[in-house]
C-alpha atoms as a PDB file:
ATOM      1  CA  MET A   1       0.000   0.000   0.000  1.00  0.00           C
ATOM      2  CA  THR A   2       1.399   3.404  -0.979  1.00  0.00           C
ATOM      3  CA  THR A   3       0.695   6.752   0.640  1.00  0.00           C
ATOM      4  CA  THR A   4       0.092   9.762  -1.600  1.00  0.00           C
ATOM      5  CA  PRO A   5       2.604  12.504  -0.765  1.00  0.00           C
ATOM      6  CA  HIS A   6       1.270  15.712   0.744  1.00  0.00           C
ATOM      7  CA  PRO A   7       0.818  18.424  -1.934  1.00  0.00           C
ATOM      8  CA  LEU A   8       3.401  20.620  -0.205  1.00  0.00           C
ATOM      9  CA  VAL A   9       5.932  17.794  -0.347  1.00  0.00           C
ATOM     10  CA  THR A  10       5.225  17.300  -4.049  1.00  0.00           C
ATOM     11  CA  GLY A  11       5.568  21.043  -4.594  1.00  0.00           C
ATOM     12  CA  ALA A  12       8.860  21.165  -2.715  1.00  0.00           C
ATOM     13  CA  GLN A  13      10.213  18.255  -4.748  1.00  0.00           C
ATOM     14  CA  ARG A  14       9.233  19.978  -7.991  1.00  0.00           C
ATOM     15  CA  LEU A  15      10.782  23.260  -6.849  1.00  0.00           C
ATOM     16  CA  ALA A  16      13.998  21.482  -5.899  1.00  0.00           C
ATOM     17  CA  ARG A  17      14.215  19.528  -9.146  1.00  0.00           C
ATOM     18  CA  ASP A  18      13.319  22.340 -11.544  1.00  0.00           C
ATOM     19  CA  LEU A  19      14.939  25.380  -9.907  1.00  0.00           C
ATOM     20  CA  LEU A  20      16.931  24.960  -6.714  1.00  0.00           C
ATOM     21  CA  VAL A  21      19.254  22.079  -7.609  1.00  0.00           C
ATOM     22  CA  PRO A  22      20.130  23.297 -11.140  1.00  0.00           C
ATOM     23  CA  GLN A  23      21.019  26.755  -9.838  1.00  0.00           C
ATOM     24  CA  ALA A  24      22.474  25.879  -6.409  1.00  0.00           C
ATOM     25  CA  GLU A  25      26.142  26.338  -7.298  1.00  0.00           C
ATOM     26  CA  ARG A  26      25.470  29.690  -8.955  1.00  0.00           C
ATOM     27  CA  VAL A  27      23.375  30.854  -6.011  1.00  0.00           C
ATOM     28  CA  ASP A  28      26.129  29.749  -3.628  1.00  0.00           C
ATOM     29  CA  GLN A  29      28.515  32.160  -5.366  1.00  0.00           C
ATOM     30  CA  GLU A  30      26.139  35.004  -6.238  1.00  0.00           C
ATOM     31  CA  GLY A  31      23.462  35.050  -3.521  1.00  0.00           C
ATOM     32  CA  VAL A  32      19.845  33.978  -3.103  1.00  0.00           C
ATOM     33  CA  PRO A  33      17.835  35.918  -5.690  1.00  0.00           C
ATOM     34  CA  VAL A  34      14.423  37.428  -5.087  1.00  0.00           C
ATOM     35  CA  SER A  35      13.083  35.046  -7.731  1.00  0.00           C
ATOM     36  CA  HIS A  36      13.962  32.053  -5.503  1.00  0.00           C
ATOM     37  CA  VAL A  37      12.018  33.579  -2.625  1.00  0.00           C
ATOM     38  CA  GLU A  38       9.072  34.216  -4.928  1.00  0.00           C
ATOM     39  CA  ALA A  39       9.176  30.582  -6.069  1.00  0.00           C
ATOM     40  CA  VAL A  40       9.095  29.392  -2.442  1.00  0.00           C
ATOM     41  CA  LYS A  41       6.093  31.650  -1.847  1.00  0.00           C
ATOM     42  CA  ARG A  42       4.251  30.339  -4.920  1.00  0.00           C
ATOM     43  CA  ALA A  43       4.809  26.780  -3.708  1.00  0.00           C
ATOM     44  CA  GLY A  44       2.935  27.661  -0.497  1.00  0.00           C
ATOM     45  CA  LEU A  45       5.916  26.729   1.642  1.00  0.00           C
ATOM     46  CA  LEU A  46       5.920  29.903   3.745  1.00  0.00           C
ATOM     47  CA  GLY A  47       2.541  28.892   5.160  1.00  0.00           C
ATOM     48  CA  VAL A  48       3.295  25.241   5.845  1.00  0.00           C
ATOM     49  CA  VAL A  49       2.722  25.542   9.626  1.00  0.00           C
ATOM     50  CA  ALA A  50       0.318  28.494   9.578  1.00  0.00           C
ATOM     51  CA  PRO A  51      -3.370  28.023  10.523  1.00  0.00           C
ATOM     52  CA  ARG A  52      -5.876  27.548   7.713  1.00  0.00           C
ATOM     53  CA  GLU A  53      -8.104  30.348   8.936  1.00  0.00           C
ATOM     54  CA  TYR A  54      -5.264  32.765   8.194  1.00  0.00           C
ATOM     55  CA  GLY A  55      -4.463  31.317   4.772  1.00  0.00           C
ATOM     56  CA  GLY A  56      -1.878  28.728   5.786  1.00  0.00           C
ATOM     57  CA  ALA A  57      -1.708  24.989   5.181  1.00  0.00           C
ATOM     58  CA  ASP A  58      -1.714  23.878   8.843  1.00  0.00           C
ATOM     59  CA  ALA A  59       0.278  20.853   7.670  1.00  0.00           C
ATOM     60  CA  PRO A  60       1.430  18.081  10.024  1.00  0.00           C
ATOM     61  CA  VAL A  61       4.866  18.515  11.549  1.00  0.00           C
ATOM     62  CA  ALA A  62       6.097  15.566   9.459  1.00  0.00           C
ATOM     63  CA  VAL A  63       5.304  17.553   6.307  1.00  0.00           C
ATOM     64  CA  ALA A  64       7.144  20.598   7.635  1.00  0.00           C
ATOM     65  CA  ARG A  65      10.192  18.439   8.333  1.00  0.00           C
ATOM     66  CA  GLU A  66      10.111  16.721   4.950  1.00  0.00           C
ATOM     67  CA  THR A  67       9.804  19.964   3.009  1.00  0.00           C
ATOM     68  CA  ALA A  68      12.663  21.428   5.057  1.00  0.00           C
ATOM     69  CA  GLU A  69      14.841  18.414   4.232  1.00  0.00           C
ATOM     70  CA  ILE A  70      14.041  18.765   0.531  1.00  0.00           C
ATOM     71  CA  LEU A  71      14.852  22.485   0.406  1.00  0.00           C
ATOM     72  CA  ALA A  72      18.033  22.166   2.461  1.00  0.00           C
ATOM     73  CA  GLY A  73      19.328  19.296   0.365  1.00  0.00           C
ATOM     74  CA  ALA A  74      18.606  21.206  -2.838  1.00  0.00           C
ATOM     75  CA  CYS A  75      19.951  24.662  -1.886  1.00  0.00           C
ATOM     76  CA  CYS A  76      20.831  25.203   1.742  1.00  0.00           C
ATOM     77  CA  SER A  77      21.101  28.979   1.331  1.00  0.00           C
ATOM     78  CA  THR A  78      17.530  29.231   0.073  1.00  0.00           C
ATOM     79  CA  TRP A  79      16.362  26.912   2.849  1.00  0.00           C
ATOM     80  CA  PHE A  80      18.120  29.038   5.467  1.00  0.00           C
ATOM     81  CA  VAL A  81      16.544  32.279   4.262  1.00  0.00           C
ATOM     82  CA  GLN A  82      13.020  30.872   4.255  1.00  0.00           C
ATOM     83  CA  THR A  83      13.349  28.857   7.482  1.00  0.00           C
ATOM     84  CA  GLN A  84      13.656  32.094   9.469  1.00  0.00           C
ATOM     85  CA  HIS A  85      10.061  32.859   8.487  1.00  0.00           C
ATOM     86  CA  HIS A  86       8.460  29.931  10.295  1.00  0.00           C
ATOM     87  CA  THR A  87       9.367  30.946  13.862  1.00  0.00           C
ATOM     88  CA  PRO A  88       7.525  34.301  13.676  1.00  0.00           C
ATOM     89  CA  VAL A  89       4.528  32.490  12.181  1.00  0.00           C
ATOM     90  CA  LYS A  90       4.521  29.954  15.025  1.00  0.00           C
ATOM     91  CA  LEU A  91       4.837  32.703  17.624  1.00  0.00           C
ATOM     92  CA  LEU A  92       1.913  34.652  16.186  1.00  0.00           C
ATOM     93  CA  THR A  93      -0.123  31.445  16.043  1.00  0.00           C
ATOM     94  CA  THR A  94       0.671  30.528  19.656  1.00  0.00           C
ATOM     95  CA  TYR A  95       0.231  33.890  21.379  1.00  0.00           C
ATOM     96  CA  ASP A  96      -2.748  36.191  21.023  1.00  0.00           C
ATOM     97  CA  SER A  97      -1.649  39.766  20.450  1.00  0.00           C
ATOM     98  CA  PRO A  98      -2.836  42.818  18.491  1.00  0.00           C
ATOM     99  CA  VAL A  99      -0.091  42.288  15.917  1.00  0.00           C
ATOM    100  CA  ARG A 100      -1.450  38.831  15.085  1.00  0.00           C
ATOM    101  CA  GLU A 101      -4.405  40.241  13.144  1.00  0.00           C
ATOM    102  CA  LYS A 102      -2.102  42.605  11.283  1.00  0.00           C
ATOM    103  CA  LEU A 103       0.628  40.185  10.254  1.00  0.00           C
ATOM    104  CA  LEU A 104      -0.355  36.527  10.512  1.00  0.00           C
ATOM    105  CA  ARG A 105      -2.393  36.368   7.296  1.00  0.00           C
ATOM    106  CA  PRO A 106       0.159  38.147   5.077  1.00  0.00           C
ATOM    107  CA  LEU A 107       2.923  35.980   6.567  1.00  0.00           C
ATOM    108  CA  ALA A 108       0.902  32.779   6.156  1.00  0.00           C
ATOM    109  CA  THR A 109       0.090  33.506   2.510  1.00  0.00           C
ATOM    110  CA  GLY A 110       3.585  34.687   1.639  1.00  0.00           C
ATOM    111  CA  GLU A 111       2.533  38.260   0.942  1.00  0.00           C
ATOM    112  CA  LEU A 112       5.186  39.178   3.517  1.00  0.00           C
ATOM    113  CA  MET A 113       8.347  37.353   4.540  1.00  0.00           C
ATOM    114  CA  ALA A 114       9.853  37.503   8.023  1.00  0.00           C
ATOM    115  CA  GLY A 115      13.318  37.118   9.472  1.00  0.00           C
ATOM    116  CA  ILE A 116      14.451  36.640  13.064  1.00  0.00           C
ATOM    117  CA  ALA A 117      16.759  38.608  15.341  1.00  0.00           C
ATOM    118  CA  PHE A 118      16.647  36.954  18.750  1.00  0.00           C
ATOM    119  CA  ALA A 119      19.342  34.231  18.971  1.00  0.00           C
ATOM    120  CA  HIS A 120      21.419  36.686  21.008  1.00  0.00           C
ATOM    121  CA  VAL A 121      18.969  36.250  23.902  1.00  0.00           C
ATOM    122  CA  ARG A 122      20.683  32.892  24.541  1.00  0.00           C
ATOM    123  CA  ALA A 123      23.819  34.797  25.620  1.00  0.00           C
ATOM    124  CA  PHE A 124      22.145  35.836  28.918  1.00  0.00           C
ATOM    125  CA  PRO A 125      23.327  37.050  31.450  1.00  0.00           C
ATOM    126  CA  ARG A 126      25.212  38.966  28.768  1.00  0.00           C
ATOM    127  CA  VAL A 127      22.690  41.239  27.039  1.00  0.00           C
ATOM    128  CA  PRO A 128      23.695  42.151  23.481  1.00  0.00           C
ATOM    129  CA  VAL A 129      20.346  43.899  22.856  1.00  0.00           C
ATOM    130  CA  ARG A 130      18.559  45.801  25.597  1.00  0.00           C
ATOM    131  CA  ALA A 131      14.855  46.710  25.524  1.00  0.00           C
ATOM    132  CA  VAL A 132      13.774  49.839  27.407  1.00  0.00           C
ATOM    133  CA  ALA A 133      10.124  50.685  27.994  1.00  0.00           C
ATOM    134  CA  GLU A 134       9.091  54.089  26.778  1.00  0.00           C
ATOM    135  CA  LYS A 135       5.650  55.670  26.682  1.00  0.00           C
ATOM    136  CA  GLY A 136       3.700  53.945  23.946  1.00  0.00           C
ATOM    137  CA  GLY A 137       6.430  51.530  23.004  1.00  0.00           C
ATOM    138  CA  TRP A 138       9.983  50.221  23.408  1.00  0.00           C
ATOM    139  CA  ARG A 139      13.467  51.341  22.490  1.00  0.00           C
ATOM    140  CA  PHE A 140      16.132  48.819  21.512  1.00  0.00           C
ATOM    141  CA  GLU A 141      19.838  49.375  22.024  1.00  0.00           C
ATOM    142  CA  GLY A 142      22.772  47.132  21.152  1.00  0.00           C
ATOM    143  CA  ARG A 143      23.902  44.873  18.356  1.00  0.00           C
ATOM    144  CA  VAL A 144      22.259  41.888  16.678  1.00  0.00           C
ATOM    145  CA  PRO A 145      25.286  39.772  15.664  1.00  0.00           C
ATOM    146  CA  TRP A 146      23.530  37.789  12.926  1.00  0.00           C
ATOM    147  CA  TYR A 147      20.522  38.610  10.792  1.00  0.00           C
ATOM    148  CA  THR A 148      19.831  36.478   7.711  1.00  0.00           C
ATOM    149  CA  GLY A 149      17.831  37.462   4.648  1.00  0.00           C
ATOM    150  CA  TRP A 150      18.577  41.179   4.629  1.00  0.00           C
ATOM    151  CA  GLY A 151      17.046  42.665   1.511  1.00  0.00           C
ATOM    152  CA  LEU A 152      14.736  39.671   1.099  1.00  0.00           C
ATOM    153  CA  ASN A 153      12.648  39.978   4.276  1.00  0.00           C
ATOM    154  CA  ASP A 154       9.872  42.486   4.851  1.00  0.00           C
ATOM    155  CA  VAL A 155       9.659  42.308   8.648  1.00  0.00           C
ATOM    156  CA  MET A 156      11.762  40.933  11.472  1.00  0.00           C
ATOM    157  CA  LEU A 157      11.007  39.357  14.826  1.00  0.00           C
ATOM    158  CA  LEU A 158      13.329  41.245  17.170  1.00  0.00           C
ATOM    159  CA  ALA A 159      13.949  40.543  20.850  1.00  0.00           C
ATOM    160  CA  GLY A 160      15.660  42.477  23.610  1.00  0.00           C
ATOM    161  CA  VAL A 161      16.098  41.940  27.334  1.00  0.00           C
ATOM    162  CA  THR A 162      15.054  44.479  29.963  1.00  0.00           C
ATOM    163  CA  ASP A 163      16.903  45.401  33.155  1.00  0.00           C
ATOM    164  CA  SER A 164      14.479  43.110  35.009  1.00  0.00           C
ATOM    165  CA  ALA A 165      15.389  40.134  32.774  1.00  0.00           C
ATOM    166  CA  GLU A 166      12.179  40.205  30.766  1.00  0.00           C
ATOM    167  CA  VAL A 167      12.440  39.240  27.089  1.00  0.00           C
ATOM    168  CA  VAL A 168      10.392  41.462  24.773  1.00  0.00           C
ATOM    169  CA  PHE A 169       9.578  40.186  21.261  1.00  0.00           C
ATOM    170  CA  VAL A 170       8.404  42.729  18.693  1.00  0.00           C
ATOM    171  CA  PHE A 171       7.945  43.015  14.945  1.00  0.00           C
ATOM    172  CA  ALA A 172       9.839  45.742  13.121  1.00  0.00           C
ATOM    173  CA  ASP A 173      10.336  46.597   9.477  1.00  0.00           C
ATOM    174  CA  ALA A 174      13.381  44.838   8.038  1.00  0.00           C
ATOM    175  CA  ARG A 175      14.942  47.945   6.533  1.00  0.00           C
ATOM    176  CA  GLU A 176      17.421  50.629   7.437  1.00  0.00           C
ATOM    177  CA  GLN A 177      15.661  53.300   9.493  1.00  0.00           C
ATOM    178  CA  PRO A 178      16.329  55.671  12.392  1.00  0.00           C
ATOM    179  CA  GLY A 179      17.873  53.558  15.144  1.00  0.00           C
ATOM    180  CA  LEU A 180      18.650  50.577  12.891  1.00  0.00           C
ATOM    181  CA  THR A 181      21.742  50.309  10.686  1.00  0.00           C
ATOM    182  CA  PRO A 182      22.797  47.110   8.909  1.00  0.00           C
ATOM    183  CA  SER A 183      26.393  46.137   8.282  1.00  0.00           C
ATOM    184  CA  ALA A 184      27.678  45.215   4.855  1.00  0.00           C
ATOM    185  CA  PRO A 185      26.748  41.630   3.930  1.00  0.00           C
ATOM    186  CA  MET A 186      29.088  39.178   5.652  1.00  0.00           C
ATOM    187  CA  ARG A 187      31.533  37.086   3.646  1.00  0.00           C
ATOM    188  CA  LEU A 188      31.364  33.619   5.172  1.00  0.00           C
ATOM    189  CA  ALA A 189      32.921  30.231   4.430  1.00  0.00           C
ATOM    190  CA  ALA A 190      29.423  28.873   3.798  1.00  0.00           C
ATOM    191  CA  LEU A 191      26.021  30.399   3.082  1.00  0.00           C
ATOM    192  CA  THR A 192      27.301  33.849   2.203  1.00  0.00           C
ATOM    193  CA  ALA A 193      24.434  33.619  -0.292  1.00  0.00           C
ATOM    194  CA  ALA A 194      21.887  33.897   2.542  1.00  0.00           C
ATOM    195  CA  ARG A 195      22.556  37.652   2.884  1.00  0.00           C
ATOM    196  CA  THR A 196      23.568  37.759   6.549  1.00  0.00           C
ATOM    197  CA  VAL A 197      24.361  41.078   8.230  1.00  0.00           C
ATOM    198  CA  SER A 198      24.715  42.422  11.744  1.00  0.00           C
ATOM    199  CA  LEU A 199      22.350  45.138  12.965  1.00  0.00           C
ATOM    200  CA  GLU A 200      23.347  48.156  15.041  1.00  0.00           C
ATOM    201  CA  LEU A 201      20.439  49.313  17.193  1.00  0.00           C
ATOM    202  CA  ASP A 202      20.746  52.880  18.453  1.00  0.00           C
ATOM    203  CA  GLY A 203      17.397  53.689  19.985  1.00  0.00           C
ATOM    204  CA  LEU A 204      15.171  51.853  17.510  1.00  0.00           C
ATOM    205  CA  TRP A 205      11.622  52.630  18.617  1.00  0.00           C
ATOM    206  CA  VAL A 206       8.796  50.092  18.224  1.00  0.00           C
ATOM    207  CA  ALA A 207       5.193  50.762  19.232  1.00  0.00           C
ATOM    208  CA  ASP A 208       3.388  48.677  21.853  1.00  0.00           C
ATOM    209  CA  GLU A 209       0.976  47.301  19.243  1.00  0.00           C
ATOM    210  CA  SER A 210       3.936  45.555  17.549  1.00  0.00           C
ATOM    211  CA  VAL A 211       4.730  43.500  20.667  1.00  0.00           C
ATOM    212  CA  VAL A 212       3.936  39.814  20.225  1.00  0.00           C
ATOM    213  CA  LEU A 213       5.262  38.410  23.503  1.00  0.00           C
ATOM    214  CA  ARG A 214       6.767  39.435  26.829  1.00  0.00           C
ATOM    215  CA  THR A 215       8.196  36.654  28.988  1.00  0.00           C
ATOM    216  CA  SER A 216      10.817  36.153  31.663  1.00  0.00           C
ATOM    217  CA  GLN A 217      14.301  35.083  30.574  1.00  0.00           C
ATOM    218  CA  GLU A 218      13.888  31.960  32.696  1.00  0.00           C
ATOM    219  CA  GLU A 219      10.704  30.991  30.867  1.00  0.00           C
ATOM    220  CA  PHE A 220      12.310  31.712  27.506  1.00  0.00           C
ATOM    221  CA  ALA A 221      15.241  29.433  28.364  1.00  0.00           C
ATOM    222  CA  LEU A 222      12.903  26.698  29.612  1.00  0.00           C
ATOM    223  CA  VAL A 223      11.111  26.619  26.249  1.00  0.00           C
ATOM    224  CA  ASP A 224      14.173  27.280  24.110  1.00  0.00           C
ATOM    225  CA  LEU A 225      16.567  24.692  25.557  1.00  0.00           C
ATOM    226  CA  PRO A 226      14.759  21.526  24.383  1.00  0.00           C
ATOM    227  CA  ARG A 227      13.844  23.165  21.078  1.00  0.00           C
ATOM    228  CA  ALA A 228      17.478  24.066  20.405  1.00  0.00           C
ATOM    229  CA  ALA A 229      18.517  20.516  21.376  1.00  0.00           C
ATOM    230  CA  ASN A 230      16.478  19.014  18.521  1.00  0.00           C
ATOM    231  CA  SER A 231      18.180  17.820  15.354  1.00  0.00           C
ATOM    232  CA  SER A 232      17.540  20.112  12.400  1.00  0.00           C
ATOM    233  CA  PRO A 233      15.825  18.568   9.361  1.00  0.00           C
ATOM    234  CA  ALA A 234      18.407  20.428   7.280  1.00  0.00           C
ATOM    235  CA  VAL A 235      21.109  18.117   8.645  1.00  0.00           C
ATOM    236  CA  PHE A 236      19.305  15.118   7.204  1.00  0.00           C
ATOM    237  CA  GLY A 237      18.530  16.917   3.948  1.00  0.00           C
ATOM    238  CA  VAL A 238      22.143  17.889   3.263  1.00  0.00           C
ATOM    239  CA  ALA A 239      23.407  14.451   4.315  1.00  0.00           C
ATOM    240  CA  ASP A 240      20.894  12.781   1.977  1.00  0.00           C
ATOM    241  CA  ALA A 241      21.989  15.000  -0.916  1.00  0.00           C
ATOM    242  CA  ALA A 242      25.626  14.133  -0.256  1.00  0.00           C
ATOM    243  CA  LEU A 243      24.830  10.409  -0.229  1.00  0.00           C
ATOM    244  CA  ASP A 244      23.017  10.787  -3.543  1.00  0.00           C
ATOM    245  CA  LEU A 245      26.325  11.956  -5.020  1.00  0.00           C
ATOM    246  CA  VAL A 246      28.206   9.068  -3.444  1.00  0.00           C
ATOM    247  CA  ALA A 247      25.681   6.566  -4.805  1.00  0.00           C
ATOM    248  CA  GLN A 248      26.235   7.866  -8.346  1.00  0.00           C
ATOM    249  CA  THR A 249      29.752   6.413  -8.373  1.00  0.00           C
ATOM    250  CA  PRO A 250      30.132   2.632  -8.819  1.00  0.00           C
ATOM    251  CA  GLU A 251      32.605   2.345  -5.950  1.00  0.00           C
ATOM    252  CA  GLY A 252      30.394   4.426  -3.666  1.00  0.00           C
ATOM    253  CA  ARG A 253      27.091   2.583  -3.913  1.00  0.00           C
ATOM    254  CA  GLU A 254      27.632   0.264  -0.958  1.00  0.00           C
ATOM    255  CA  THR A 255      29.002   3.116   1.158  1.00  0.00           C
ATOM    256  CA  ALA A 256      25.933   5.219   0.369  1.00  0.00           C
ATOM    257  CA  ARG A 257      23.572   2.344   1.134  1.00  0.00           C
ATOM    258  CA  SER A 258      25.200   1.671   4.523  1.00  0.00           C
ATOM    259  CA  LEU A 259      25.350   5.327   5.557  1.00  0.00           C
ATOM    260  CA  ARG A 260      21.770   5.990   4.447  1.00  0.00           C
ATOM    261  CA  ALA A 261      20.495   3.147   6.635  1.00  0.00           C
ATOM    262  CA  ARG A 262      22.267   4.689   9.630  1.00  0.00           C
ATOM    263  CA  LEU A 263      20.989   8.147   8.735  1.00  0.00           C
ATOM    264  CA  ASP A 264      17.399   6.907   8.511  1.00  0.00           C
ATOM    265  CA  GLU A 265      17.730   5.323  11.941  1.00  0.00           C
ATOM    266  CA  VAL A 266      19.014   8.517  13.557  1.00  0.00           C
ATOM    267  CA  ARG A 267      16.382  10.612  11.761  1.00  0.00           C
ATOM    268  CA  GLN A 268      13.602   8.408  13.117  1.00  0.00           C
ATOM    269  CA  GLU A 269      14.996   8.621  16.645  1.00  0.00           C
ATOM    270  CA  ALA A 270      15.517  12.387  16.470  1.00  0.00           C
ATOM    271  CA  TYR A 271      11.987  13.115  15.303  1.00  0.00           C
ATOM    272  CA  ALA A 272      10.472  10.754  17.873  1.00  0.00           C
ATOM    273  CA  LEU A 273      12.290  12.657  20.616  1.00  0.00           C
ATOM    274  CA  ALA A 274      11.201  15.993  19.195  1.00  0.00           C
ATOM    275  CA  ASP A 275       7.574  14.855  19.376  1.00  0.00           C
ATOM    276  CA  ARG A 276       7.680  13.897  23.054  1.00  0.00           C
ATOM    277  CA  PRO A 277       5.106  15.795  25.135  1.00  0.00           C
ATOM    278  CA  ALA A 278       7.505  16.692  27.980  1.00  0.00           C
ATOM    279  CA  PRO A 279      10.532  18.074  26.108  1.00  0.00           C
ATOM    280  CA  GLN A 280      12.457  19.293  29.161  1.00  0.00           C
ATOM    281  CA  ASP A 281      12.810  15.713  30.370  1.00  0.00           C
ATOM    282  CA  SER A 282      14.747  14.538  27.313  1.00  0.00           C
ATOM    283  CA  VAL A 283      17.297  17.284  26.603  1.00  0.00           C
ATOM    284  CA  PRO A 284      20.347  15.032  27.181  1.00  0.00           C
ATOM    285  CA  GLU A 285      18.886  12.386  24.849  1.00  0.00           C
ATOM    286  CA  ARG A 286      18.102  14.987  22.195  1.00  0.00           C
ATOM    287  CA  LEU A 287      21.629  16.376  22.342  1.00  0.00           C
ATOM    288  CA  ALA A 288      23.123  12.883  22.112  1.00  0.00           C
ATOM    289  CA  VAL A 289      21.075  12.105  18.997  1.00  0.00           C
ATOM    290  CA  LYS A 290      21.860  15.529  17.554  1.00  0.00           C
ATOM    291  CA  THR A 291      25.556  14.776  17.932  1.00  0.00           C
ATOM    292  CA  ARG A 292      25.110  11.435  16.149  1.00  0.00           C
ATOM    293  CA  ALA A 293      23.306  13.236  13.329  1.00  0.00           C
ATOM    294  CA  TYR A 294      26.239  15.655  13.055  1.00  0.00           C
ATOM    295  CA  ASP A 295      28.658  12.730  12.884  1.00  0.00           C
ATOM    296  CA  LEU A 296      26.717  11.199  10.005  1.00  0.00           C
ATOM    297  CA  LEU A 297      26.446  14.562   8.245  1.00  0.00           C
ATOM    298  CA  ARG A 298      30.211  14.983   8.450  1.00  0.00           C
ATOM    299  CA  THR A 299      30.772  11.426   7.218  1.00  0.00           C
ATOM    300  CA  ALA A 300      28.301  11.782   4.343  1.00  0.00           C
ATOM    301  CA  THR A 301      29.755  15.064   3.076  1.00  0.00           C
ATOM    302  CA  THR A 302      33.287  13.694   3.425  1.00  0.00           C
ATOM    303  CA  ALA A 303      32.252  10.643   1.405  1.00  0.00           C
ATOM    304  CA  ALA A 304      30.901  12.954  -1.310  1.00  0.00           C
ATOM    305  CA  ILE A 305      34.246  14.790  -1.456  1.00  0.00           C
ATOM    306  CA  VAL A 306      36.155  11.499  -1.658  1.00  0.00           C
ATOM    307  CA  ALA A 307      33.837  10.126  -4.337  1.00  0.00           C
ATOM    308  CA  GLY A 308      34.255  13.312  -6.369  1.00  0.00           C
ATOM    309  CA  GLY A 309      38.046  13.203  -6.250  1.00  0.00           C
ATOM    310  CA  GLY A 310      39.978  16.253  -7.396  1.00  0.00           C
ATOM    311  CA  ARG A 311      36.854  17.725  -8.998  1.00  0.00           C
ATOM    312  CA  SER A 312      35.548  18.338  -5.475  1.00  0.00           C
ATOM    313  CA  MET A 313      38.022  21.196  -5.050  1.00  0.00           C
ATOM    314  CA  ALA A 314      36.368  23.317  -7.727  1.00  0.00           C
ATOM    315  CA  LEU A 315      34.103  26.096  -6.466  1.00  0.00           C
ATOM    316  CA  ASP A 316      31.336  24.853  -8.724  1.00  0.00           C
ATOM    317  CA  SER A 317      31.516  21.347  -7.237  1.00  0.00           C
ATOM    318  CA  ARG A 318      28.264  20.179  -5.660  1.00  0.00           C
ATOM    319  CA  ALA A 319      30.183  17.953  -3.222  1.00  0.00           C
ATOM    320  CA  GLN A 320      32.284  20.859  -2.009  1.00  0.00           C
ATOM    321  CA  ARG A 321      29.231  23.083  -1.582  1.00  0.00           C
ATOM    322  CA  LEU A 322      27.462  20.399   0.449  1.00  0.00           C
ATOM    323  CA  ALA A 323      30.556  19.935   2.628  1.00  0.00           C
ATOM    324  CA  ARG A 324      30.654  23.667   3.384  1.00  0.00           C
ATOM    325  CA  GLU A 325      26.927  23.696   4.070  1.00  0.00           C
ATOM    326  CA  GLY A 326      27.429  20.759   6.418  1.00  0.00           C
ATOM    327  CA  MET A 327      30.109  22.742   8.246  1.00  0.00           C
ATOM    328  CA  PHE A 328      27.662  25.610   8.653  1.00  0.00           C
ATOM    329  CA  LEU A 329      24.965  23.323  10.080  1.00  0.00           C
ATOM    330  CA  LEU A 330      27.372  22.181  12.815  1.00  0.00           C
ATOM    331  CA  VAL A 331      27.128  25.630  14.403  1.00  0.00           C
ATOM    332  CA  GLN A 332      23.730  26.892  13.212  1.00  0.00           C
ATOM    333  CA  GLY A 333      21.589  27.607  16.284  1.00  0.00           C
ATOM    334  CA  GLN A 334      24.368  26.295  18.516  1.00  0.00           C
ATOM    335  CA  THR A 335      23.987  26.615  22.295  1.00  0.00           C
ATOM    336  CA  ALA A 336      26.742  26.325  24.897  1.00  0.00           C
ATOM    337  CA  GLU A 337      25.418  22.943  26.031  1.00  0.00           C
ATOM    338  CA  ALA A 338      25.262  21.608  22.468  1.00  0.00           C
ATOM    339  CA  ARG A 339      28.840  22.770  21.882  1.00  0.00           C
ATOM    340  CA  ARG A 340      30.040  21.108  25.087  1.00  0.00           C
ATOM    341  CA  ARG A 341      28.281  17.864  24.233  1.00  0.00           C
ATOM    342  CA  HIS A 342      29.581  17.844  20.663  1.00  0.00           C
ATOM    343  CA  LEU A 343      33.186  18.536  21.678  1.00  0.00           C
ATOM    344  CA  GLY A 344      32.987  15.827  24.330  1.00  0.00           C
ATOM    345  CA  SER A 345      31.780  13.356  21.740  1.00  0.00           C
ATOM    346  CA  LEU A 346      34.610  14.262  19.380  1.00  0.00           C
ATOM    347  CA  ALA A 347      37.174  13.814  22.164  1.00  0.00           C
ATOM    348  CA  SER A 348      35.867  10.368  23.098  1.00  0.00           C
ATOM    349  CA  GLY A 349      35.326   9.162  19.541  1.00  0.00           C
END
């Protein structure tokens, strides 16, 4: 008995086959074009987790994961730009706020695209971005170290921490304006194409009606820790793409078959842990599985380089691009505990 794929999965596969994969090496060198973002929007993938009543697909989490794997394996830079969008959508869906009625529908339908500027909150008790209450709104001071999708996003989900350790999440326009100055685009070893900048905040003012959530830093950490400990679908997507390359060589077929079986096993375990109802109770297990997924990602991309031989050193080599994308995924969304666990695993391995 076969199961018909979800329409969003079929759409993601078509997008990957017809556009993302053929242009991935060019995009890697030149940057994610607006046309790629528009294609993601037309495929309905910006609304994959958004509620139907606001124009989204309200798809099962398994569909969200599978589409993420497909996009990441096809063009990790495009995946990384669009993946920022889903966290603001989830936050607006979860918490009732005045800004929900203003933004959730245009975000769910892809009329608007969002980025995120809150990873720095994990640095607490260091406070890179401070939020100060002011009559009718909030002022933000400090520096956002990383902001992806500059020039492609319409709005951003920005967070700052108050003197009383409250985290304030707001929506702001993703453009240069009084109190907000972007850096030049960063040149990175991988995913330079994703248009990442830093943001200098010098009194950026945001009105109260743009606030989506206010929560204590302790509560933020309680929710964020297990979420950050989950394995990213992108890890499995890039590893799968690398193994596809290995399998295309006669001497690599058995290697690809063996590694793919191990990858499927870790994927199944990672997603089962992510679906547990009490996430705080399984953080060590999640981190252990995440580390195993990283190990397989590194092995798969290394195998692709080996299978490609000297051709892998060319900048237009798919194997080399996947290896650099794999390197990026090792530190994407990294927390101090994940880093400690990963380094410990490397030392004992």
